[in-house]
Protein backbone atom coordinates (compact mmCIF):
# COMPACT_ATOMS: atom_id res chain seq x y z
CA MET A 1 147.65 157.34 211.93
CA ASP A 2 149.04 154.04 210.59
CA LEU A 3 148.32 152.75 207.10
CA GLU A 4 145.52 150.17 207.19
CA VAL A 5 144.02 147.75 204.68
CA ARG A 6 140.92 149.95 204.40
CA HIS A 7 143.13 152.79 203.17
CA LEU A 8 144.35 150.59 200.31
CA ARG A 9 140.73 149.81 199.47
CA VAL A 10 139.98 153.53 199.34
CA VAL A 11 142.84 154.16 196.91
CA CYS A 12 141.71 151.30 194.68
CA ALA A 13 138.08 152.48 194.77
CA ILE A 14 139.09 155.96 193.62
CA ALA A 15 141.21 154.54 190.81
CA GLU A 16 138.38 152.24 189.69
CA ALA A 17 135.74 154.99 189.80
CA LYS A 18 138.08 157.60 188.24
CA SER A 19 136.25 160.17 190.35
CA LEU A 20 136.16 161.08 194.02
CA THR A 21 132.43 161.73 193.81
CA ARG A 22 131.66 158.31 192.34
CA ALA A 23 134.11 156.59 194.68
CA ALA A 24 132.51 158.31 197.69
CA ALA A 25 129.10 157.02 196.62
CA SER A 26 130.42 153.46 196.24
CA LEU A 27 132.04 153.65 199.69
CA SER A 28 128.97 155.27 201.33
CA LEU A 29 131.02 158.33 202.25
CA THR A 30 130.57 162.00 201.54
CA GLN A 31 132.83 163.52 198.91
CA PRO A 32 134.44 165.96 201.41
CA GLY A 33 135.00 163.09 203.84
CA LEU A 34 136.67 160.97 201.17
CA SER A 35 138.81 163.93 200.05
CA ALA A 36 139.99 164.45 203.62
CA GLN A 37 140.76 160.75 203.99
CA LEU A 38 142.72 160.73 200.74
CA ARG A 39 144.80 163.69 201.93
CA ARG A 40 145.69 161.83 205.11
CA ILE A 41 146.64 158.71 203.14
CA GLU A 42 148.84 160.81 200.84
CA ASN A 43 150.47 162.45 203.86
CA MET A 44 151.21 159.02 205.35
CA LEU A 45 152.70 157.71 202.12
CA GLY A 46 154.57 160.91 201.32
CA GLY A 47 153.24 161.87 197.92
CA SER A 48 150.25 162.72 195.75
CA LEU A 49 148.36 159.67 194.49
CA PHE A 50 145.97 161.31 192.02
CA ASP A 51 145.80 164.32 189.77
CA ARG A 52 142.34 165.71 190.48
CA ALA A 53 141.40 167.69 187.39
CA ARG A 54 138.01 168.49 185.85
CA GLY A 55 138.09 165.17 184.03
CA GLY A 56 138.28 163.13 187.23
CA ALA A 57 140.97 161.46 189.33
CA VAL A 58 143.97 160.15 187.39
CA PRO A 59 146.76 158.25 189.22
CA THR A 60 150.12 159.96 189.36
CA ALA A 61 153.28 157.93 188.74
CA PHE A 62 153.59 157.57 192.52
CA GLY A 63 149.92 156.58 192.65
CA GLU A 64 150.45 153.88 190.04
CA LEU A 65 153.21 152.40 192.21
CA VAL A 66 150.93 152.36 195.27
CA LEU A 67 148.04 150.92 193.25
CA ALA A 68 150.22 148.11 191.89
CA ARG A 69 151.23 147.13 195.41
CA ALA A 70 147.69 147.48 196.77
CA ARG A 71 146.20 145.35 194.01
CA ALA A 72 148.80 142.68 194.71
CA ILE A 73 148.15 142.75 198.47
CA LEU A 74 144.35 142.95 198.72
CA PRO A 75 143.42 139.59 197.12
CA GLY A 76 145.67 137.81 199.61
CA VAL A 77 144.20 139.77 202.50
CA ASP A 78 140.66 138.97 201.34
CA ALA A 79 141.50 135.28 201.02
CA LEU A 80 143.05 135.28 204.50
CA LEU A 81 139.98 136.94 206.00
CA ALA A 82 137.64 134.53 204.23
CA ASP A 83 139.65 131.50 205.39
CA THR A 84 139.84 132.67 208.99
CA ALA A 85 136.12 133.48 209.01
CA ARG A 86 135.33 129.94 207.90
CA GLN A 87 137.70 128.47 210.45
CA GLN A 88 136.20 130.56 213.25
CA SER A 89 132.61 129.82 212.28
CA ASP A 90 130.99 127.85 215.08
CA PRO A 91 127.24 127.22 215.33
CA GLY A 92 127.54 127.35 219.10
CA ARG A 93 129.09 130.84 219.16
CA VAL A 94 127.59 134.25 218.40
CA ARG A 95 130.13 137.01 217.77
CA VAL A 96 128.66 140.47 218.31
CA GLY A 97 130.06 143.84 217.33
CA SER A 98 128.96 147.27 218.47
CA VAL A 99 129.51 150.96 218.03
CA GLY A 100 129.26 153.16 221.10
CA ALA A 101 125.55 152.83 221.87
CA PRO A 102 123.31 151.78 224.76
CA LEU A 103 122.20 148.61 222.97
CA LEU A 104 125.11 146.19 223.30
CA GLY A 105 124.25 144.85 226.75
CA HIS A 106 120.57 144.54 225.86
CA LEU A 107 121.41 142.70 222.62
CA VAL A 108 123.71 140.24 224.40
CA LEU A 109 121.02 139.56 227.01
CA ALA A 110 118.45 139.02 224.26
CA ILE A 111 120.73 136.56 222.47
CA ARG A 112 121.30 134.65 225.69
CA GLU A 113 117.53 134.42 226.16
CA VAL A 114 116.79 133.03 222.70
CA LEU A 115 120.00 130.94 222.43
CA PRO A 116 120.78 129.94 226.04
CA ASP A 117 123.47 127.44 225.03
CA ALA A 118 125.40 129.81 222.77
CA GLU A 119 128.75 131.33 223.67
CA VAL A 120 128.39 135.08 223.09
CA THR A 121 131.45 137.28 222.54
CA ALA A 122 131.59 141.00 221.74
CA ARG A 123 133.97 143.64 220.47
CA CYS A 124 133.45 147.37 219.94
CA ARG A 125 134.48 149.84 217.24
CA TYR A 126 133.87 153.57 216.86
CA SER A 127 132.48 153.26 213.32
CA SER A 128 129.69 151.14 211.83
CA VAL A 129 131.56 150.70 208.54
CA PRO A 130 134.13 148.05 209.60
CA LEU A 131 131.47 146.22 211.63
CA LEU A 132 129.23 145.96 208.58
CA GLU A 133 132.21 144.67 206.59
CA ASP A 134 132.84 142.05 209.30
CA LEU A 135 129.20 140.94 209.14
CA ALA A 136 129.32 140.61 205.37
CA ALA A 137 132.57 138.62 205.57
CA GLY A 138 131.23 136.25 208.24
CA ARG A 139 133.51 137.51 211.01
CA LEU A 140 130.48 138.57 213.08
CA GLU A 141 126.99 137.14 213.49
CA ALA A 142 125.29 140.30 214.78
CA ALA A 143 126.06 143.94 215.45
CA VAL A 144 124.76 147.18 216.90
CA LEU A 145 125.22 149.84 214.23
CA GLY A 146 124.17 153.45 213.76
CA ASP A 147 123.78 156.04 211.02
CA HIS A 148 122.36 159.47 210.24
CA PRO A 149 119.68 160.87 207.90
CA GLU A 150 120.80 160.82 204.27
CA ARG A 151 123.85 158.81 205.33
CA GLU A 152 122.11 155.51 205.89
CA LEU A 153 124.07 152.28 205.89
CA PRO A 154 123.98 150.66 202.45
CA PRO A 155 122.17 147.35 201.82
CA THR A 156 124.73 144.59 202.15
CA GLY A 157 124.43 141.07 200.80
CA GLY A 158 123.86 138.42 203.45
CA VAL A 159 123.12 141.00 206.17
CA VAL A 160 119.73 141.97 207.62
CA LEU A 161 119.67 145.66 208.65
CA THR A 162 116.77 146.57 210.95
CA PRO A 163 116.29 150.11 212.29
CA LEU A 164 115.41 150.02 215.97
CA ALA A 165 114.99 153.65 217.00
CA THR A 166 115.82 157.18 215.89
CA GLU A 167 116.71 159.73 218.53
CA PRO A 168 117.85 163.36 218.68
CA VAL A 169 121.50 164.25 219.00
CA PHE A 170 122.25 166.23 222.19
CA ALA A 171 124.93 168.70 223.26
CA LEU A 172 127.77 167.54 225.52
CA LEU A 173 129.03 170.37 227.72
CA PRO A 174 131.34 170.97 230.68
CA SER A 175 129.04 171.01 233.69
CA ALA A 176 130.32 174.47 234.68
CA HIS A 177 129.62 175.94 231.24
CA PRO A 178 126.99 178.73 231.22
CA LEU A 179 125.01 176.89 228.53
CA ALA A 180 124.56 173.94 230.91
CA ALA A 181 122.11 176.09 232.88
CA GLN A 182 119.72 176.12 229.91
CA GLU A 183 117.03 173.54 229.31
CA GLU A 184 117.96 173.42 225.61
CA VAL A 185 120.98 174.71 223.69
CA GLY A 186 120.92 176.30 220.26
CA LEU A 187 123.33 174.93 217.68
CA GLU A 188 124.32 178.52 216.92
CA GLN A 189 125.35 178.95 220.56
CA LEU A 190 127.57 175.88 220.42
CA ALA A 191 129.11 177.08 217.16
CA ARG A 192 130.88 179.87 219.05
CA GLU A 193 132.81 177.32 221.15
CA ASP A 194 135.83 175.12 220.51
CA TRP A 195 134.68 171.59 219.63
CA ALA A 196 136.03 168.09 220.14
CA VAL A 197 135.02 166.01 217.13
CA PRO A 198 135.54 162.43 215.89
CA ARG A 199 137.92 161.79 213.02
CA PRO A 200 136.30 162.31 209.60
CA ASP A 201 136.98 158.92 208.01
CA GLY A 202 134.61 156.76 210.04
CA ASP A 203 130.86 156.59 209.54
CA GLY A 204 130.29 160.19 208.44
CA THR A 205 129.42 161.53 211.89
CA ARG A 206 131.80 164.47 211.71
CA GLU A 207 130.63 165.37 208.20
CA TYR A 208 127.01 165.18 209.34
CA TRP A 209 127.70 167.54 212.25
CA SER A 210 129.56 169.93 209.95
CA SER A 211 126.76 169.97 207.39
CA ALA A 212 124.20 170.89 210.06
CA CYS A 213 126.39 173.74 211.27
CA ALA A 214 126.89 174.92 207.69
CA LEU A 215 123.13 174.98 207.12
CA ALA A 216 122.85 177.16 210.22
CA ASP A 217 125.57 179.38 208.70
CA HIS A 218 128.04 178.54 211.48
CA ARG A 219 131.45 176.88 211.22
CA PRO A 220 132.73 176.09 214.71
CA SER A 221 136.40 175.84 215.60
CA THR A 222 137.46 172.17 215.85
CA PRO A 223 140.94 172.09 217.42
CA TYR A 224 140.42 168.68 219.06
CA GLU A 225 139.99 165.39 217.21
CA ALA A 226 139.07 162.62 219.62
CA GLU A 227 136.61 159.81 220.30
CA GLY A 228 135.36 157.93 223.34
CA ARG A 229 137.07 158.63 226.67
CA PRO A 230 139.60 161.21 225.35
CA LEU A 231 136.76 163.29 223.89
CA LEU A 232 134.89 163.10 227.19
CA GLU A 233 137.97 164.24 229.11
CA LEU A 234 138.44 167.26 226.83
CA VAL A 235 134.86 168.30 227.55
CA ARG A 236 135.16 167.58 231.27
CA ALA A 237 138.30 169.76 231.42
CA GLY A 238 136.33 172.69 230.00
CA LEU A 239 138.40 172.79 226.81
CA ALA A 240 135.64 171.94 224.36
CA VAL A 241 132.02 171.14 223.72
CA SER A 242 130.77 168.27 221.60
CA LEU A 243 127.68 166.27 220.66
CA CYS A 244 126.45 162.91 221.94
CA GLN A 245 123.63 160.40 221.74
CA ALA A 246 120.52 161.33 223.71
CA THR A 247 120.97 158.28 225.96
CA PHE A 248 124.51 159.29 226.96
CA THR A 249 124.89 158.90 230.71
CA GLU A 250 125.96 162.08 232.46
CA VAL A 251 129.06 161.68 234.63
CA PRO A 252 130.59 164.21 237.04
CA GLY A 253 131.99 167.18 235.18
CA VAL A 254 129.80 166.98 232.06
CA ALA A 255 126.22 167.95 231.21
CA VAL A 256 123.94 166.61 228.47
CA ARG A 257 121.39 169.04 227.01
CA PRO A 258 118.97 168.79 224.06
CA LEU A 259 119.60 170.84 220.94
CA ALA A 260 116.82 173.33 220.28
CA GLY A 261 114.74 172.34 217.28
CA THR A 262 116.32 168.87 216.97
CA PRO A 263 118.59 169.71 214.01
CA LEU A 264 120.49 166.40 214.21
CA ARG A 265 119.38 162.79 214.63
CA TYR A 266 120.97 159.39 215.13
CA ARG A 267 119.45 156.05 214.11
CA HIS A 268 120.16 152.82 216.00
CA VAL A 269 120.29 149.77 213.73
CA LEU A 270 120.48 146.09 214.62
CA ALA A 271 122.11 143.81 212.07
CA TRP A 272 122.64 140.08 211.76
CA ARG A 273 123.63 137.60 209.10
CA SER A 274 120.71 136.24 207.12
CA ASP A 275 122.23 132.74 207.31
CA GLY A 276 123.36 133.04 210.93
CA PRO A 277 121.98 131.71 214.21
CA LEU A 278 119.82 134.79 214.86
CA ALA A 279 117.96 134.63 211.54
CA ALA A 280 115.17 132.52 213.04
CA HIS A 281 114.88 134.72 216.14
CA GLY A 282 115.01 138.22 214.69
CA GLU A 283 111.63 139.46 215.92
CA GLU A 284 112.20 138.22 219.46
CA VAL A 285 115.71 139.70 219.61
CA LEU A 286 114.36 143.01 218.34
CA ARG A 287 111.55 143.05 220.89
CA ARG A 288 113.85 142.34 223.81
CA THR A 289 116.53 144.78 222.68
CA LEU A 290 113.99 147.55 222.11
CA ALA A 291 112.59 147.02 225.61
CA GLY A 292 116.10 147.43 227.02
CA TYR A 293 116.67 150.55 224.92
CA LEU A 294 113.48 152.13 226.28
CA ASP A 295 114.75 151.42 229.79
CA SER A 296 117.96 153.29 228.88
CA CYS A 297 115.88 156.21 227.60
CA ALA A 298 114.01 156.40 230.89
CA ALA A 299 117.27 156.24 232.85
CA SER A 300 118.72 159.26 231.02
CA PRO A 301 117.36 162.38 232.79
CA ALA A 302 117.91 164.76 229.87
CA TYR A 303 116.39 162.40 227.31
CA ALA A 304 113.50 161.36 229.56
CA ALA A 305 112.60 165.02 230.05
CA TRP A 306 112.89 165.67 226.32
CA ARG A 307 110.59 162.72 225.55
CA ARG A 308 108.00 164.05 227.98
CA ARG A 309 108.03 167.36 226.13
CA ASN A 310 108.06 165.61 222.73
CA PRO A 311 105.80 162.55 223.10
CA ALA A 312 105.61 161.83 219.37
CA PRO A 313 108.22 159.29 218.19
CA CYS A 314 111.38 160.92 216.91
CA GLY A 315 112.12 160.12 213.28
């Protein structure tokens, strides 16, 4: 992993809060997730940045050096980002961001319907956090985001966050796995398998999965850290199991099955700038995007069957 600007922000946030717990709250992360991220940053830089005693987090001499450099760098980076956002701002263009979700195409189509003359561009990230930062900084006009119960995205100035739908999280299995023959899979059954999991410093997904397993008194083996296509290939090869959104499209070699009892949920969120071109069309964009999402639900065999058995709205 390469050092990124967001890692410098994490180090500065810990120093300002003087506590990993308080810093995690300010960054909308869990304390274990932030601790894991700090360890990776320290490994990259080659030394301990903080003494973590009962009194809080105190920078080491090495940490003070890193903090001095970070505090010198970040204002210039922020100014650069603000200047480029202003330069790129164009009333005839709508820049859209998205996490991996079935909503991006439907959102773009909705925008084209309400703003037929706009140029719409899109880019994808694995985590909602940098996309929300881009919205707040004016580098995006709209985004498809997602979060989990008790890990909701924080209110952000200048950004309208609108929940669209909450759905169950499903199991992702090799198609030849014995559990794929079941209509539903228990989380305790999955916990006996090797897992492929996303990295822990994104939007809290990995921590959310781990907390659910811990509540069920199971701690699965997680030898594979991957996202997107690499994660899918690990599952397809029969090396691991994982979890996925209910609307995930089955492809040859993998099977999608509901989790018994719905222990995990995922919330789809649409976001746009309150001063952007979509502000006057929010309700129409929501209506059109939701209609497309419901089409995706119907097109997913596992989720469509689950919805027939569970007709009440999820969440």
